[in-house]
């Protein structure tokens, strides 16, 4: 998965391949907003910036 912050500070998690950088945002595939894209609270992951995006991340599900 990939985490990327758009130039306007919106943060998205992409479940597809590495998203492509456009002029002010990222896209995954032919559409601007893909089914495999999740909006994330932009106050989280402040270390992810427009300049260093996209960042590859791993989602781990813990056992109870």
N, C-alpha and C. Protein backbone atom coordinates (compact mmCIF):
# COMPACT_ATOMS: atom_id res chain seq x y z
N UNK A 1 0.85 -1.17 0.00
CA UNK A 1 0.00 0.00 0.00
C UNK A 1 0.89 1.23 0.00
N UNK A 2 0.28 2.34 -0.38
CA UNK A 2 1.03 3.60 -0.47
C UNK A 2 0.27 4.70 0.25
N UNK A 3 0.99 5.56 0.95
CA UNK A 3 0.43 6.73 1.61
C UNK A 3 1.00 7.96 0.93
N UNK A 4 0.11 8.88 0.55
CA UNK A 4 0.58 10.07 -0.17
C UNK A 4 -0.21 11.29 0.27
N UNK A 5 0.50 12.40 0.38
CA UNK A 5 -0.12 13.68 0.75
C UNK A 5 -0.12 14.58 -0.48
N UNK A 6 -1.33 15.03 -0.84
CA UNK A 6 -1.47 15.95 -1.98
C UNK A 6 -0.89 17.30 -1.62
N UNK A 7 -0.69 18.13 -2.61
CA UNK A 7 -0.10 19.45 -2.40
C UNK A 7 -0.98 20.32 -1.49
N UNK A 8 -2.30 20.05 -1.47
CA UNK A 8 -3.21 20.82 -0.61
C UNK A 8 -3.35 20.20 0.78
N UNK A 9 -2.48 19.24 1.12
CA UNK A 9 -2.37 18.62 2.44
C UNK A 9 -3.33 17.47 2.68
N UNK A 10 -4.17 17.09 1.71
CA UNK A 10 -5.03 15.92 1.87
C UNK A 10 -4.17 14.67 1.84
N UNK A 11 -4.53 13.70 2.69
CA UNK A 11 -3.75 12.49 2.84
C UNK A 11 -4.59 11.29 2.39
N UNK A 12 -3.99 10.42 1.57
CA UNK A 12 -4.71 9.27 1.03
C UNK A 12 -3.88 8.01 1.15
N UNK A 13 -4.58 6.90 1.38
CA UNK A 13 -3.99 5.58 1.37
C UNK A 13 -4.42 4.91 0.07
N UNK A 14 -3.46 4.40 -0.68
CA UNK A 14 -3.72 3.78 -1.97
C UNK A 14 -3.46 2.28 -1.86
N UNK A 15 -4.45 1.48 -2.23
CA UNK A 15 -4.32 0.04 -2.16
C UNK A 15 -3.89 -0.56 -3.48
N UNK A 16 -3.59 0.25 -4.44
CA UNK A 16 -3.19 -0.22 -5.77
C UNK A 16 -1.68 -0.18 -5.87
N UNK A 17 -1.19 -0.18 -7.07
CA UNK A 17 0.24 0.00 -7.29
C UNK A 17 0.65 1.43 -6.92
N UNK A 18 1.90 1.74 -7.01
CA UNK A 18 2.40 3.06 -6.64
C UNK A 18 1.66 4.14 -7.44
N UNK A 19 1.02 5.11 -6.75
CA UNK A 19 0.27 6.14 -7.46
C UNK A 19 1.19 7.11 -8.21
N UNK A 20 0.66 7.67 -9.26
CA UNK A 20 1.39 8.63 -10.09
C UNK A 20 1.22 10.05 -9.56
N UNK A 21 2.30 10.81 -9.56
CA UNK A 21 2.26 12.21 -9.13
C UNK A 21 1.77 13.06 -10.30
N UNK A 22 0.76 13.86 -10.04
CA UNK A 22 0.28 14.85 -11.01
C UNK A 22 0.74 16.22 -10.54
N UNK A 23 0.16 17.29 -11.04
CA UNK A 23 0.63 18.63 -10.67
C UNK A 23 0.35 18.99 -9.21
N UNK A 24 -0.77 18.55 -8.65
CA UNK A 24 -1.09 18.89 -7.26
C UNK A 24 -1.64 17.70 -6.47
N UNK A 25 -1.73 16.53 -7.10
CA UNK A 25 -2.29 15.36 -6.43
C UNK A 25 -1.71 14.09 -7.04
N UNK A 26 -2.14 12.96 -6.50
CA UNK A 26 -1.72 11.67 -7.00
C UNK A 26 -2.93 10.96 -7.58
N UNK A 27 -2.67 10.01 -8.47
CA UNK A 27 -3.76 9.19 -9.00
C UNK A 27 -3.27 7.76 -9.13
N UNK A 28 -4.22 6.88 -9.04
CA UNK A 28 -3.93 5.46 -9.14
C UNK A 28 -4.84 4.90 -10.23
N UNK A 29 -4.32 4.76 -11.42
CA UNK A 29 -5.13 4.29 -12.52
C UNK A 29 -5.63 5.43 -13.38
N UNK A 30 -6.71 5.18 -14.12
CA UNK A 30 -7.24 6.16 -15.06
C UNK A 30 -8.11 7.23 -14.42
N UNK A 31 -8.67 6.94 -13.23
CA UNK A 31 -9.59 7.88 -12.59
C UNK A 31 -8.86 8.70 -11.54
N UNK A 32 -9.38 9.92 -11.27
CA UNK A 32 -8.79 10.75 -10.22
C UNK A 32 -8.96 10.11 -8.86
N UNK A 33 -10.14 9.48 -8.62
CA UNK A 33 -10.39 8.84 -7.33
C UNK A 33 -10.73 7.39 -7.58
N UNK A 34 -9.91 6.52 -7.15
CA UNK A 34 -10.02 5.10 -7.42
C UNK A 34 -10.72 4.39 -6.27
N UNK A 35 -11.34 3.25 -6.54
CA UNK A 35 -12.00 2.46 -5.50
C UNK A 35 -11.02 2.01 -4.43
N UNK A 36 -9.76 1.91 -4.77
CA UNK A 36 -8.73 1.45 -3.84
C UNK A 36 -8.07 2.60 -3.09
N UNK A 37 -8.75 3.74 -3.01
CA UNK A 37 -8.20 4.93 -2.36
C UNK A 37 -9.03 5.27 -1.13
N UNK A 38 -8.35 5.55 -0.02
CA UNK A 38 -9.02 5.88 1.23
C UNK A 38 -8.49 7.21 1.75
N UNK A 39 -9.39 8.15 2.03
CA UNK A 39 -9.00 9.43 2.61
C UNK A 39 -8.63 9.20 4.07
N UNK A 40 -7.50 9.75 4.50
CA UNK A 40 -7.00 9.60 5.87
C UNK A 40 -6.97 10.97 6.52
N UNK A 41 -7.25 11.02 7.82
CA UNK A 41 -7.20 12.28 8.56
C UNK A 41 -5.84 12.95 8.31
N UNK A 42 -5.85 14.15 7.75
CA UNK A 42 -4.60 14.80 7.34
C UNK A 42 -3.74 15.26 8.51
N UNK A 43 -4.23 15.13 9.75
CA UNK A 43 -3.42 15.46 10.91
C UNK A 43 -2.51 14.30 11.31
N UNK A 44 -2.76 13.13 10.73
CA UNK A 44 -1.94 11.96 11.02
C UNK A 44 -0.72 11.92 10.09
N UNK A 45 0.29 11.24 10.51
CA UNK A 45 1.48 10.98 9.69
C UNK A 45 2.09 12.26 9.12
N UNK A 46 2.37 13.20 10.00
CA UNK A 46 2.93 14.49 9.58
C UNK A 46 4.28 14.32 8.87
N UNK A 47 4.94 13.18 9.07
CA UNK A 47 6.22 12.95 8.39
C UNK A 47 6.04 12.69 6.90
N UNK A 48 4.82 12.39 6.48
CA UNK A 48 4.53 12.20 5.05
C UNK A 48 4.16 13.55 4.46
N UNK A 49 4.95 14.02 3.53
CA UNK A 49 4.75 15.34 2.92
C UNK A 49 4.56 15.20 1.41
N UNK A 50 4.17 16.28 0.79
CA UNK A 50 4.06 16.31 -0.67
C UNK A 50 5.41 15.95 -1.29
N UNK A 51 6.48 16.47 -0.71
CA UNK A 51 7.81 16.29 -1.28
C UNK A 51 8.32 14.85 -1.20
N UNK A 52 7.93 14.10 -0.15
CA UNK A 52 8.43 12.72 -0.03
C UNK A 52 7.39 11.66 -0.39
N UNK A 53 6.23 12.08 -0.86
CA UNK A 53 5.16 11.15 -1.23
C UNK A 53 5.38 10.62 -2.63
N UNK A 54 4.89 9.43 -2.91
CA UNK A 54 4.22 8.50 -2.02
C UNK A 54 5.22 7.68 -1.21
N UNK A 55 4.76 7.21 -0.06
CA UNK A 55 5.58 6.41 0.84
C UNK A 55 4.94 5.02 0.92
N UNK A 56 5.73 4.00 0.70
CA UNK A 56 5.19 2.64 0.80
C UNK A 56 4.97 2.29 2.27
N UNK A 57 3.80 1.74 2.59
CA UNK A 57 3.46 1.38 3.96
C UNK A 57 2.92 -0.06 3.99
N UNK A 58 2.89 -0.61 5.17
CA UNK A 58 2.37 -1.96 5.36
C UNK A 58 1.26 -1.88 6.39
N UNK A 59 0.14 -2.48 6.09
CA UNK A 59 -0.98 -2.54 7.03
C UNK A 59 -0.92 -3.87 7.74
N UNK A 60 -0.87 -3.83 9.06
CA UNK A 60 -0.76 -5.06 9.84
C UNK A 60 -2.01 -5.17 10.72
N UNK A 61 -2.65 -6.34 10.66
CA UNK A 61 -3.82 -6.60 11.49
C UNK A 61 -3.35 -7.46 12.66
N UNK A 62 -3.55 -6.95 13.87
CA UNK A 62 -3.12 -7.67 15.07
C UNK A 62 -4.18 -8.66 15.51
N UNK A 63 -3.72 -9.76 16.06
CA UNK A 63 -4.63 -10.71 16.70
C UNK A 63 -5.05 -10.14 18.05
N UNK A 64 -6.22 -10.51 18.49
CA UNK A 64 -6.70 -10.01 19.80
C UNK A 64 -5.97 -10.67 20.94
